[in-house]
């Protein structure tokens, strides 16, 4: 009877994860049809932001409480990728930009994202052989995420300049309300903020590592949620793009600081490694991109005469804005 009780007990975390995903989908489905006066929109959107963020973090926490091994982690990864690929590349073109179909595609996209992030986070955590490894891993991720988000050559900055819709399709969208109720045919689920998939992946990896090594996952959760909410509010009110792995890594390391047992040599090696990582990331972050090469006068005159004599497409440099904010204000493709 004991093994049977164990098998029943191990389904609780996955069950809670599924229930939370359904609840998040239901919230996203009904928000476009609930009108909110302009005076109350800020307060309502704040509640939605906090609620959605708490549900997201708690859902990952509950899934990782089951300490999934490589096989269930791979199942999560493959099924989540399948759902998101179907939503983005198959169903989105058919559903269009508005209506119940578009809202359903958004829900499926977010669900698939959450599922595969849990799977990938579990696979990454399975590579950690001891809890002391979390120190260099956490510090490296903090520095590397700062480079990706803040550096001019980082992935996020380059993505925003090239096509922000790519990041938006892959990220978790937090919905917001509008002042008027929308009809079913034209309903659109507006987005207040986005959470990158890397943040969800490593949040799950840290939680699973804490459960595996019997550290302090519950205390970390209680500190993680308010820290991330405050961080998100800074992003919303300032408009800055900030790396979310900074609070995730810092909260994990600080709350569990008494769980790490390193010798003097291990501490020294960790410090040396962090100095090297910081130096490399600092060098990459401060390198300025090469300025574009100006065309020769003869090429400019030849292009002008050619465009004047025959109709043709405009210069590609005039079609793409180099300002990320200008690109973010453009309508999202389906």
C-alpha atoms as a PDB file:
ATOM      1  CA  UNK A   1       0.000   0.000   0.000  1.00  0.00           C
ATOM      2  CA  UNK A   2       2.872   2.411   0.628  1.00  0.00           C
ATOM      3  CA  UNK A   3       4.080   2.529  -3.007  1.00  0.00           C
ATOM      4  CA  UNK A   4       0.489   3.178  -4.077  1.00  0.00           C
ATOM      5  CA  UNK A   5       0.248   6.119  -1.658  1.00  0.00           C
ATOM      6  CA  UNK A   6       3.536   7.455  -3.010  1.00  0.00           C
ATOM      7  CA  UNK A   7       2.267   7.266  -6.601  1.00  0.00           C
ATOM      8  CA  UNK A   8      -0.920   9.095  -5.664  1.00  0.00           C
ATOM      9  CA  UNK A   9       1.001  11.745  -3.762  1.00  0.00           C
ATOM     10  CA  UNK A  10       3.353  12.495  -6.660  1.00  0.00           C
ATOM     11  CA  UNK A  11       0.435  13.644  -8.820  1.00  0.00           C
ATOM     12  CA  UNK A  12      -0.488  16.557  -6.545  1.00  0.00           C
ATOM     13  CA  UNK A  13       2.107  19.018  -7.836  1.00  0.00           C
ATOM     14  CA  UNK A  14       1.385  18.275 -11.492  1.00  0.00           C
ATOM     15  CA  UNK A  15      -2.342  18.539 -10.793  1.00  0.00           C
ATOM     16  CA  UNK A  16      -1.888  21.962  -9.215  1.00  0.00           C
ATOM     17  CA  UNK A  17       0.280  23.041 -12.161  1.00  0.00           C
ATOM     18  CA  UNK A  18      -2.479  22.048 -14.606  1.00  0.00           C
ATOM     19  CA  UNK A  19      -5.185  23.776 -12.548  1.00  0.00           C
ATOM     20  CA  UNK A  20      -3.191  27.013 -12.459  1.00  0.00           C
ATOM     21  CA  UNK A  21      -2.649  26.912 -16.229  1.00  0.00           C
ATOM     22  CA  UNK A  22      -6.402  26.520 -16.739  1.00  0.00           C
ATOM     23  CA  UNK A  23      -7.070  29.433 -14.363  1.00  0.00           C
ATOM     24  CA  UNK A  24      -4.563  31.660 -16.176  1.00  0.00           C
ATOM     25  CA  UNK A  25      -6.167  30.770 -19.505  1.00  0.00           C
ATOM     26  CA  UNK A  26      -9.628  31.600 -18.155  1.00  0.00           C
ATOM     27  CA  UNK A  27      -8.426  34.988 -16.903  1.00  0.00           C
ATOM     28  CA  UNK A  28      -6.947  35.784 -20.292  1.00  0.00           C
ATOM     29  CA  UNK A  29     -10.182  34.688 -22.023  1.00  0.00           C
ATOM     30  CA  UNK A  30     -12.594  36.879 -20.040  1.00  0.00           C
ATOM     31  CA  UNK A  31     -10.527  40.067 -19.668  1.00  0.00           C
ATOM     32  CA  UNK A  32     -11.286  41.435 -23.190  1.00  0.00           C
ATOM     33  CA  UNK A  33     -15.030  41.303 -22.461  1.00  0.00           C
ATOM     34  CA  UNK A  34     -14.936  43.160 -19.119  1.00  0.00           C
ATOM     35  CA  UNK A  35     -15.085  46.973 -19.487  1.00  0.00           C
ATOM     36  CA  UNK A  36     -13.237  48.955 -16.812  1.00  0.00           C
ATOM     37  CA  UNK A  37     -13.560  52.754 -16.388  1.00  0.00           C
ATOM     38  CA  UNK A  38     -10.429  54.738 -17.149  1.00  0.00           C
ATOM     39  CA  UNK A  39     -10.138  55.894 -13.539  1.00  0.00           C
ATOM     40  CA  UNK A  40      -9.943  52.296 -12.298  1.00  0.00           C
ATOM     41  CA  UNK A  41      -7.774  50.774 -15.015  1.00  0.00           C
ATOM     42  CA  UNK A  42      -4.467  51.361 -13.243  1.00  0.00           C
ATOM     43  CA  UNK A  43      -5.636  49.639 -10.063  1.00  0.00           C
ATOM     44  CA  UNK A  44      -7.288  46.755 -11.923  1.00  0.00           C
ATOM     45  CA  UNK A  45      -4.265  46.184 -14.151  1.00  0.00           C
ATOM     46  CA  UNK A  46      -2.057  46.190 -11.057  1.00  0.00           C
ATOM     47  CA  UNK A  47      -4.187  43.443  -9.511  1.00  0.00           C
ATOM     48  CA  UNK A  48      -4.082  41.435 -12.754  1.00  0.00           C
ATOM     49  CA  UNK A  49      -0.319  41.885 -12.993  1.00  0.00           C
ATOM     50  CA  UNK A  50       0.314  40.768  -9.426  1.00  0.00           C
ATOM     51  CA  UNK A  51      -2.163  37.897  -9.668  1.00  0.00           C
ATOM     52  CA  UNK A  52      -0.823  36.580 -12.969  1.00  0.00           C
ATOM     53  CA  UNK A  53       2.755  36.860 -11.788  1.00  0.00           C
ATOM     54  CA  UNK A  54       2.019  35.068  -8.515  1.00  0.00           C
ATOM     55  CA  UNK A  55       0.194  32.284 -10.360  1.00  0.00           C
ATOM     56  CA  UNK A  56       3.100  31.904 -12.809  1.00  0.00           C
ATOM     57  CA  UNK A  57       5.747  31.580 -10.114  1.00  0.00           C
ATOM     58  CA  UNK A  58       3.586  29.308  -7.957  1.00  0.00           C
ATOM     59  CA  UNK A  59       2.729  27.066 -10.919  1.00  0.00           C
ATOM     60  CA  UNK A  60       6.425  26.472 -11.627  1.00  0.00           C
ATOM     61  CA  UNK A  61       7.057  25.917  -7.928  1.00  0.00           C
ATOM     62  CA  UNK A  62       4.320  23.272  -7.721  1.00  0.00           C
ATOM     63  CA  UNK A  63       5.502  21.455 -10.850  1.00  0.00           C
ATOM     64  CA  UNK A  64       9.077  21.314  -9.544  1.00  0.00           C
ATOM     65  CA  UNK A  65       7.933  20.084  -6.136  1.00  0.00           C
ATOM     66  CA  UNK A  66       7.479  16.692  -7.824  1.00  0.00           C
ATOM     67  CA  UNK A  67      11.235  16.659  -8.592  1.00  0.00           C
ATOM     68  CA  UNK A  68      10.692  15.437 -12.172  1.00  0.00           C
ATOM     69  CA  UNK A  69      13.464  13.285 -13.600  1.00  0.00           C
ATOM     70  CA  UNK A  70      14.813  13.328 -17.179  1.00  0.00           C
ATOM     71  CA  UNK A  71      11.924  11.317 -18.684  1.00  0.00           C
ATOM     72  CA  UNK A  72       9.020  13.469 -17.431  1.00  0.00           C
ATOM     73  CA  UNK A  73      11.130  16.569 -18.075  1.00  0.00           C
ATOM     74  CA  UNK A  74      11.614  15.529 -21.699  1.00  0.00           C
ATOM     75  CA  UNK A  75       7.883  14.850 -22.005  1.00  0.00           C
ATOM     76  CA  UNK A  76       7.111  18.336 -20.698  1.00  0.00           C
ATOM     77  CA  UNK A  77       9.646  19.865 -23.086  1.00  0.00           C
ATOM     78  CA  UNK A  78       8.418  18.112 -26.224  1.00  0.00           C
ATOM     79  CA  UNK A  79       4.711  18.579 -25.513  1.00  0.00           C
ATOM     80  CA  UNK A  80       5.160  22.262 -24.665  1.00  0.00           C
ATOM     81  CA  UNK A  81       7.201  22.946 -27.790  1.00  0.00           C
ATOM     82  CA  UNK A  82       4.554  21.162 -29.872  1.00  0.00           C
ATOM     83  CA  UNK A  83       1.762  23.300 -28.394  1.00  0.00           C
ATOM     84  CA  UNK A  84       3.618  26.566 -28.930  1.00  0.00           C
ATOM     85  CA  UNK A  85       4.716  25.717 -32.464  1.00  0.00           C
ATOM     86  CA  UNK A  86       1.146  24.788 -33.347  1.00  0.00           C
ATOM     87  CA  UNK A  87      -0.122  28.051 -31.867  1.00  0.00           C
ATOM     88  CA  UNK A  88       2.412  30.327 -33.583  1.00  0.00           C
ATOM     89  CA  UNK A  89       2.900  28.759 -36.992  1.00  0.00           C
ATOM     90  CA  UNK A  90      -0.310  26.805 -37.673  1.00  0.00           C
ATOM     91  CA  UNK A  91      -3.258  28.253 -35.765  1.00  0.00           C
ATOM     92  CA  UNK A  92      -2.296  31.946 -35.536  1.00  0.00           C
ATOM     93  CA  UNK A  93      -2.452  32.564 -39.323  1.00  0.00           C
ATOM     94  CA  UNK A  94      -5.883  30.915 -39.407  1.00  0.00           C
ATOM     95  CA  UNK A  95      -7.270  32.741 -36.364  1.00  0.00           C
ATOM     96  CA  UNK A  96      -6.316  36.267 -37.397  1.00  0.00           C
ATOM     97  CA  UNK A  97      -5.553  39.218 -35.147  1.00  0.00           C
ATOM     98  CA  UNK A  98      -8.804  39.355 -33.162  1.00  0.00           C
ATOM     99  CA  UNK A  99     -11.806  37.308 -32.090  1.00  0.00           C
ATOM    100  CA  UNK A 100     -12.218  34.168 -30.030  1.00  0.00           C
ATOM    101  CA  UNK A 101      -9.804  32.278 -32.269  1.00  0.00           C
ATOM    102  CA  UNK A 102      -6.995  34.766 -31.653  1.00  0.00           C
ATOM    103  CA  UNK A 103      -7.651  34.721 -27.904  1.00  0.00           C
ATOM    104  CA  UNK A 104      -7.600  30.918 -27.918  1.00  0.00           C
ATOM    105  CA  UNK A 105      -4.299  30.903 -29.808  1.00  0.00           C
ATOM    106  CA  UNK A 106      -2.810  33.247 -27.208  1.00  0.00           C
ATOM    107  CA  UNK A 107      -3.919  30.947 -24.402  1.00  0.00           C
ATOM    108  CA  UNK A 108      -2.481  27.895 -26.158  1.00  0.00           C
ATOM    109  CA  UNK A 109       0.766  29.763 -26.812  1.00  0.00           C
ATOM    110  CA  UNK A 110       1.181  30.744 -23.162  1.00  0.00           C
ATOM    111  CA  UNK A 111       0.281  27.238 -21.978  1.00  0.00           C
ATOM    112  CA  UNK A 112       2.817  25.615 -24.286  1.00  0.00           C
ATOM    113  CA  UNK A 113       5.452  28.101 -23.151  1.00  0.00           C
ATOM    114  CA  UNK A 114       4.904  27.299 -19.486  1.00  0.00           C
ATOM    115  CA  UNK A 115       4.995  23.544 -20.126  1.00  0.00           C
ATOM    116  CA  UNK A 116       8.238  23.460 -22.116  1.00  0.00           C
ATOM    117  CA  UNK A 117       9.936  25.927 -19.746  1.00  0.00           C
ATOM    118  CA  UNK A 118       9.219  23.542 -16.866  1.00  0.00           C
ATOM    119  CA  UNK A 119      10.632  20.661 -18.906  1.00  0.00           C
ATOM    120  CA  UNK A 120      13.798  22.482 -19.937  1.00  0.00           C
ATOM    121  CA  UNK A 121      14.328  23.814 -16.425  1.00  0.00           C
ATOM    122  CA  UNK A 122      14.036  20.273 -15.045  1.00  0.00           C
ATOM    123  CA  UNK A 123      16.558  18.972 -17.573  1.00  0.00           C
ATOM    124  CA  UNK A 124      19.025  21.721 -16.670  1.00  0.00           C
ATOM    125  CA  UNK A 125      18.599  21.044 -12.945  1.00  0.00           C
ATOM    126  CA  UNK A 126      19.275  17.347 -13.526  1.00  0.00           C
ATOM    127  CA  UNK A 127      22.815  18.279 -14.597  1.00  0.00           C
ATOM    128  CA  UNK A 128      23.604  19.766 -11.170  1.00  0.00           C
ATOM    129  CA  UNK A 129      25.329  17.169  -8.998  1.00  0.00           C
ATOM    130  CA  UNK A 130      25.574  19.156  -5.765  1.00  0.00           C
ATOM    131  CA  UNK A 131      24.013  22.241  -4.258  1.00  0.00           C
ATOM    132  CA  UNK A 132      27.269  24.204  -4.087  1.00  0.00           C
ATOM    133  CA  UNK A 133      27.224  24.411  -7.887  1.00  0.00           C
ATOM    134  CA  UNK A 134      24.297  26.825  -7.562  1.00  0.00           C
ATOM    135  CA  UNK A 135      26.676  29.588  -6.453  1.00  0.00           C
ATOM    136  CA  UNK A 136      28.765  29.896  -9.648  1.00  0.00           C
ATOM    137  CA  UNK A 137      25.765  29.002 -11.820  1.00  0.00           C
ATOM    138  CA  UNK A 138      23.595  31.661 -10.190  1.00  0.00           C
ATOM    139  CA  UNK A 139      26.257  34.367 -10.386  1.00  0.00           C
ATOM    140  CA  UNK A 140      27.058  33.517 -13.990  1.00  0.00           C
ATOM    141  CA  UNK A 141      23.381  33.683 -14.999  1.00  0.00           C
ATOM    142  CA  UNK A 142      22.999  37.060 -13.304  1.00  0.00           C
ATOM    143  CA  UNK A 143      25.926  38.495 -15.253  1.00  0.00           C
ATOM    144  CA  UNK A 144      25.031  36.816 -18.520  1.00  0.00           C
ATOM    145  CA  UNK A 145      21.400  37.933 -18.356  1.00  0.00           C
ATOM    146  CA  UNK A 146      22.552  41.501 -17.716  1.00  0.00           C
ATOM    147  CA  UNK A 147      24.658  41.260 -20.862  1.00  0.00           C
ATOM    148  CA  UNK A 148      21.814  39.799 -22.936  1.00  0.00           C
ATOM    149  CA  UNK A 149      19.316  42.449 -21.841  1.00  0.00           C
ATOM    150  CA  UNK A 150      21.373  45.602 -21.297  1.00  0.00           C
ATOM    151  CA  UNK A 151      24.320  45.399 -23.682  1.00  0.00           C
ATOM    152  CA  UNK A 152      23.894  46.959 -27.158  1.00  0.00           C
ATOM    153  CA  UNK A 153      25.053  43.689 -28.698  1.00  0.00           C
ATOM    154  CA  UNK A 154      22.934  41.556 -26.376  1.00  0.00           C
ATOM    155  CA  UNK A 155      20.251  39.257 -27.728  1.00  0.00           C
ATOM    156  CA  UNK A 156      17.324  41.276 -26.339  1.00  0.00           C
ATOM    157  CA  UNK A 157      18.528  44.618 -27.676  1.00  0.00           C
ATOM    158  CA  UNK A 158      19.264  43.116 -31.083  1.00  0.00           C
ATOM    159  CA  UNK A 159      15.874  41.392 -31.148  1.00  0.00           C
ATOM    160  CA  UNK A 160      14.043  44.609 -30.281  1.00  0.00           C
ATOM    161  CA  UNK A 161      15.839  46.448 -33.044  1.00  0.00           C
ATOM    162  CA  UNK A 162      15.272  43.726 -35.627  1.00  0.00           C
ATOM    163  CA  UNK A 163      11.722  42.567 -34.879  1.00  0.00           C
ATOM    164  CA  UNK A 164      10.234  42.759 -31.351  1.00  0.00           C
ATOM    165  CA  UNK A 165       7.313  40.560 -32.396  1.00  0.00           C
ATOM    166  CA  UNK A 166       9.645  37.530 -32.356  1.00  0.00           C
ATOM    167  CA  UNK A 167      10.341  38.032 -28.649  1.00  0.00           C
ATOM    168  CA  UNK A 168       6.677  38.792 -27.933  1.00  0.00           C
ATOM    169  CA  UNK A 169       5.516  35.538 -29.544  1.00  0.00           C
ATOM    170  CA  UNK A 170       7.966  33.506 -27.476  1.00  0.00           C
ATOM    171  CA  UNK A 171       7.379  35.330 -24.166  1.00  0.00           C
ATOM    172  CA  UNK A 172       4.649  34.979 -21.568  1.00  0.00           C
ATOM    173  CA  UNK A 173       2.089  37.765 -22.069  1.00  0.00           C
ATOM    174  CA  UNK A 174       0.413  39.376 -19.041  1.00  0.00           C
ATOM    175  CA  UNK A 175      -2.998  40.748 -20.114  1.00  0.00           C
ATOM    176  CA  UNK A 176      -4.595  44.083 -19.285  1.00  0.00           C
ATOM    177  CA  UNK A 177      -8.117  45.515 -19.336  1.00  0.00           C
ATOM    178  CA  UNK A 178      -9.639  48.161 -21.609  1.00  0.00           C
ATOM    179  CA  UNK A 179     -12.294  50.838 -21.103  1.00  0.00           C
ATOM    180  CA  UNK A 180     -14.934  49.288 -23.362  1.00  0.00           C
ATOM    181  CA  UNK A 181     -16.408  45.835 -23.729  1.00  0.00           C
ATOM    182  CA  UNK A 182     -15.458  44.208 -27.037  1.00  0.00           C
ATOM    183  CA  UNK A 183     -17.709  42.128 -29.218  1.00  0.00           C
ATOM    184  CA  UNK A 184     -16.776  38.531 -29.892  1.00  0.00           C
ATOM    185  CA  UNK A 185     -15.710  39.073 -33.498  1.00  0.00           C
ATOM    186  CA  UNK A 186     -13.281  41.918 -32.736  1.00  0.00           C
ATOM    187  CA  UNK A 187     -12.108  41.018 -29.239  1.00  0.00           C
ATOM    188  CA  UNK A 188      -8.378  41.438 -28.618  1.00  0.00           C
ATOM    189  CA  UNK A 189      -6.435  40.401 -25.523  1.00  0.00           C
ATOM    190  CA  UNK A 190      -4.206  43.417 -24.894  1.00  0.00           C
ATOM    191  CA  UNK A 191      -0.835  42.867 -23.193  1.00  0.00           C
ATOM    192  CA  UNK A 192       0.588  44.852 -20.286  1.00  0.00           C
ATOM    193  CA  UNK A 193       4.010  43.173 -20.046  1.00  0.00           C
ATOM    194  CA  UNK A 194       6.061  40.203 -21.216  1.00  0.00           C
ATOM    195  CA  UNK A 195       8.117  37.676 -19.254  1.00  0.00           C
ATOM    196  CA  UNK A 196      10.974  36.066 -21.171  1.00  0.00           C
ATOM    197  CA  UNK A 197      11.201  32.262 -21.396  1.00  0.00           C
ATOM    198  CA  UNK A 198      14.747  32.189 -19.997  1.00  0.00           C
ATOM    199  CA  UNK A 199      13.465  33.646 -16.724  1.00  0.00           C
ATOM    200  CA  UNK A 200      10.862  30.885 -16.423  1.00  0.00           C
ATOM    201  CA  UNK A 201      13.351  28.155 -17.346  1.00  0.00           C
ATOM    202  CA  UNK A 202      15.960  29.067 -14.741  1.00  0.00           C
ATOM    203  CA  UNK A 203      13.341  29.880 -12.123  1.00  0.00           C
ATOM    204  CA  UNK A 204      12.175  26.294 -12.515  1.00  0.00           C
ATOM    205  CA  UNK A 205      15.737  24.960 -12.519  1.00  0.00           C
ATOM    206  CA  UNK A 206      16.517  26.728  -9.241  1.00  0.00           C
ATOM    207  CA  UNK A 207      13.324  25.494  -7.586  1.00  0.00           C
ATOM    208  CA  UNK A 208      13.965  21.911  -8.659  1.00  0.00           C
ATOM    209  CA  UNK A 209      17.554  22.065  -7.404  1.00  0.00           C
ATOM    210  CA  UNK A 210      16.315  23.316  -4.040  1.00  0.00           C
ATOM    211  CA  UNK A 211      13.812  20.451  -3.794  1.00  0.00           C
ATOM    212  CA  UNK A 212      16.380  17.844  -4.864  1.00  0.00           C
ATOM    213  CA  UNK A 213      19.038  18.996  -2.420  1.00  0.00           C
ATOM    214  CA  UNK A 214      16.509  19.625   0.398  1.00  0.00           C
ATOM    215  CA  UNK A 215      17.314  23.303   0.697  1.00  0.00           C
ATOM    216  CA  UNK A 216      14.742  26.056   1.333  1.00  0.00           C
ATOM    217  CA  UNK A 217      12.328  26.148  -1.614  1.00  0.00           C
ATOM    218  CA  UNK A 218       9.308  27.349   0.386  1.00  0.00           C
ATOM    219  CA  UNK A 219      11.177  30.240   2.015  1.00  0.00           C
ATOM    220  CA  UNK A 220      12.640  31.110  -1.379  1.00  0.00           C
ATOM    221  CA  UNK A 221       9.146  31.193  -2.900  1.00  0.00           C
ATOM    222  CA  UNK A 222       7.906  33.560  -0.184  1.00  0.00           C
ATOM    223  CA  UNK A 223      10.758  35.976  -0.945  1.00  0.00           C
ATOM    224  CA  UNK A 224      10.799  35.431  -4.696  1.00  0.00           C
ATOM    225  CA  UNK A 225       7.221  36.523  -5.397  1.00  0.00           C
ATOM    226  CA  UNK A 226       7.414  40.023  -3.818  1.00  0.00           C
ATOM    227  CA  UNK A 227      10.905  40.576  -5.232  1.00  0.00           C
ATOM    228  CA  UNK A 228       9.766  39.798  -8.777  1.00  0.00           C
ATOM    229  CA  UNK A 229       6.595  41.869  -8.405  1.00  0.00           C
ATOM    230  CA  UNK A 230       8.594  44.916  -7.313  1.00  0.00           C
ATOM    231  CA  UNK A 231      11.015  44.318 -10.159  1.00  0.00           C
ATOM    232  CA  UNK A 232       8.167  44.114 -12.676  1.00  0.00           C
ATOM    233  CA  UNK A 233       6.650  47.339 -11.356  1.00  0.00           C
ATOM    234  CA  UNK A 234       9.963  49.121 -11.890  1.00  0.00           C
ATOM    235  CA  UNK A 235       9.978  47.866 -15.472  1.00  0.00           C
ATOM    236  CA  UNK A 236       6.406  49.035 -16.076  1.00  0.00           C
ATOM    237  CA  UNK A 237       6.777  52.495 -14.555  1.00  0.00           C
ATOM    238  CA  UNK A 238      10.204  53.267 -16.020  1.00  0.00           C
ATOM    239  CA  UNK A 239       9.887  51.524 -19.380  1.00  0.00           C
ATOM    240  CA  UNK A 240      13.341  49.978 -18.941  1.00  0.00           C
ATOM    241  CA  UNK A 241      14.233  46.483 -20.133  1.00  0.00           C
ATOM    242  CA  UNK A 242      15.719  44.845 -17.034  1.00  0.00           C
ATOM    243  CA  UNK A 243      17.135  41.316 -16.605  1.00  0.00           C
ATOM    244  CA  UNK A 244      14.784  39.278 -14.412  1.00  0.00           C
ATOM    245  CA  UNK A 245      17.434  36.660 -13.633  1.00  0.00           C
ATOM    246  CA  UNK A 246      19.092  39.235 -11.369  1.00  0.00           C
ATOM    247  CA  UNK A 247      16.406  39.054  -8.624  1.00  0.00           C
ATOM    248  CA  UNK A 248      15.829  35.334  -9.302  1.00  0.00           C
ATOM    249  CA  UNK A 249      19.493  34.490  -8.788  1.00  0.00           C
ATOM    250  CA  UNK A 250      20.036  36.863  -5.867  1.00  0.00           C
ATOM    251  CA  UNK A 251      16.968  35.700  -3.941  1.00  0.00           C
ATOM    252  CA  UNK A 252      17.918  32.056  -4.463  1.00  0.00           C
ATOM    253  CA  UNK A 253      21.478  32.545  -3.242  1.00  0.00           C
ATOM    254  CA  UNK A 254      20.648  34.838  -0.326  1.00  0.00           C
ATOM    255  CA  UNK A 255      17.768  32.798   1.105  1.00  0.00           C
ATOM    256  CA  UNK A 256      19.779  29.559   0.840  1.00  0.00           C
ATOM    257  CA  UNK A 257      23.140  31.041   1.860  1.00  0.00           C
ATOM    258  CA  UNK A 258      23.367  28.877   4.992  1.00  0.00           C
ATOM    259  CA  UNK A 259      22.892  25.718   2.914  1.00  0.00           C
ATOM    260  CA  UNK A 260      26.153  26.147   1.015  1.00  0.00           C
ATOM    261  CA  UNK A 261      29.225  24.530   2.510  1.00  0.00           C
ATOM    262  CA  UNK A 262      32.383  25.543   0.661  1.00  0.00           C
ATOM    263  CA  UNK A 263      35.982  25.131   1.696  1.00  0.00           C
ATOM    264  CA  UNK A 264      38.415  28.037   1.464  1.00  0.00           C
ATOM    265  CA  UNK A 265      39.837  26.673  -1.782  1.00  0.00           C
ATOM    266  CA  UNK A 266      36.364  26.328  -3.269  1.00  0.00           C
ATOM    267  CA  UNK A 267      35.475  29.876  -2.270  1.00  0.00           C
ATOM    268  CA  UNK A 268      38.709  31.136  -3.808  1.00  0.00           C
ATOM    269  CA  UNK A 269      38.051  29.222  -7.044  1.00  0.00           C
ATOM    270  CA  UNK A 270      34.507  30.602  -7.152  1.00  0.00           C
ATOM    271  CA  UNK A 271      35.724  34.172  -6.720  1.00  0.00           C
ATOM    272  CA  UNK A 272      38.344  33.746  -9.452  1.00  0.00           C
ATOM    273  CA  UNK A 273      35.742  32.272 -11.799  1.00  0.00           C
ATOM    274  CA  UNK A 274      33.337  35.132 -11.111  1.00  0.00           C
ATOM    275  CA  UNK A 275      36.053  37.726 -11.751  1.00  0.00           C
ATOM    276  CA  UNK A 276      36.846  36.095 -15.097  1.00  0.00           C
ATOM    277  CA  UNK A 277      33.167  35.932 -16.038  1.00  0.00           C
ATOM    278  CA  UNK A 278      32.612  39.557 -15.020  1.00  0.00           C
ATOM    279  CA  UNK A 279      35.634  40.657 -17.054  1.00  0.00           C
ATOM    280  CA  UNK A 280      34.522  38.825 -20.201  1.00  0.00           C
ATOM    281  CA  UNK A 281      30.936  40.032 -19.938  1.00  0.00           C
ATOM    282  CA  UNK A 282      32.068  43.577 -19.194  1.00  0.00           C
ATOM    283  CA  UNK A 283      34.313  43.562 -22.253  1.00  0.00           C
ATOM    284  CA  UNK A 284      31.517  42.305 -24.484  1.00  0.00           C
ATOM    285  CA  UNK A 285      29.008  44.762 -23.038  1.00  0.00           C
ATOM    286  CA  UNK A 286      31.201  47.822 -23.575  1.00  0.00           C
ATOM    287  CA  UNK A 287      32.155  47.044 -27.163  1.00  0.00           C
ATOM    288  CA  UNK A 288      30.410  49.479 -29.457  1.00  0.00           C
ATOM    289  CA  UNK A 289      28.865  48.141 -32.636  1.00  0.00           C
ATOM    290  CA  UNK A 290      30.652  49.103 -35.827  1.00  0.00           C
ATOM    291  CA  UNK A 291      29.104  52.121 -37.579  1.00  0.00           C
ATOM    292  CA  UNK A 292      27.460  51.392 -40.919  1.00  0.00           C
ATOM    293  CA  UNK A 293      29.605  52.001 -43.977  1.00  0.00           C
ATOM    294  CA  UNK A 294      28.372  55.010 -45.921  1.00  0.00           C
ATOM    295  CA  UNK A 295      27.722  54.339 -49.627  1.00  0.00           C
ATOM    296  CA  UNK A 296      29.965  56.018 -52.188  1.00  0.00           C
ATOM    297  CA  UNK A 297      28.608  59.088 -54.053  1.00  0.00           C
ATOM    298  CA  UNK A 298      28.574  57.146 -57.316  1.00  0.00           C
ATOM    299  CA  UNK A 299      26.447  54.382 -55.789  1.00  0.00           C
ATOM    300  CA  UNK A 300      24.016  56.916 -54.355  1.00  0.00           C
ATOM    301  CA  UNK A 301      23.633  58.728 -57.701  1.00  0.00           C
ATOM    302  CA  UNK A 302      23.218  55.443 -59.547  1.00  0.00           C
ATOM    303  CA  UNK A 303      20.549  54.288 -57.103  1.00  0.00           C
ATOM    304  CA  UNK A 304      18.716  57.609 -57.359  1.00  0.00           C
ATOM    305  CA  UNK A 305      18.669  57.586 -61.140  1.00  0.00           C
ATOM    306  CA  UNK A 306      17.546  53.971 -61.199  1.00  0.00           C
ATOM    307  CA  UNK A 307      14.673  54.556 -58.744  1.00  0.00           C
ATOM    308  CA  UNK A 308      13.599  57.656 -60.651  1.00  0.00           C
ATOM    309  CA  UNK A 309      13.433  55.836 -63.990  1.00  0.00           C
ATOM    310  CA  UNK A 310      11.631  52.707 -62.812  1.00  0.00           C
ATOM    311  CA  UNK A 311       9.272  51.999 -59.869  1.00  0.00           C
ATOM    312  CA  UNK A 312      10.652  49.600 -57.286  1.00  0.00           C
ATOM    313  CA  UNK A 313      10.736  48.806 -53.569  1.00  0.00           C
ATOM    314  CA  UNK A 314      11.954  51.412 -51.139  1.00  0.00           C
ATOM    315  CA  UNK A 315      15.365  51.228 -49.528  1.00  0.00           C
ATOM    316  CA  UNK A 316      15.309  48.592 -46.811  1.00  0.00           C
ATOM    317  CA  UNK A 317      17.092  50.924 -44.394  1.00  0.00           C
ATOM    318  CA  UNK A 318      14.089  53.226 -44.523  1.00  0.00           C
ATOM    319  CA  UNK A 319      11.671  50.431 -43.670  1.00  0.00           C
ATOM    320  CA  UNK A 320      13.292  49.323 -40.408  1.00  0.00           C
ATOM    321  CA  UNK A 321      13.473  51.691 -37.463  1.00  0.00           C
ATOM    322  CA  UNK A 322      16.586  51.427 -35.300  1.00  0.00           C
ATOM    323  CA  UNK A 323      14.624  52.688 -32.288  1.00  0.00           C
ATOM    324  CA  UNK A 324      13.284  49.736 -30.265  1.00  0.00           C
ATOM    325  CA  UNK A 325      10.425  51.807 -28.823  1.00  0.00           C
ATOM    326  CA  UNK A 326       9.246  52.747 -32.270  1.00  0.00           C
ATOM    327  CA  UNK A 327       9.244  49.094 -33.273  1.00  0.00           C
ATOM    328  CA  UNK A 328       7.412  48.101 -30.108  1.00  0.00           C
ATOM    329  CA  UNK A 329       4.580  50.496 -30.860  1.00  0.00           C
ATOM    330  CA  UNK A 330       3.818  48.880 -34.179  1.00  0.00           C
ATOM    331  CA  UNK A 331       0.917  46.403 -34.339  1.00  0.00           C
ATOM    332  CA  UNK A 332       1.870  42.801 -33.680  1.00  0.00           C
ATOM    333  CA  UNK A 333       1.586  40.414 -36.636  1.00  0.00           C
ATOM    334  CA  UNK A 334      -0.714  37.460 -36.139  1.00  0.00           C
END
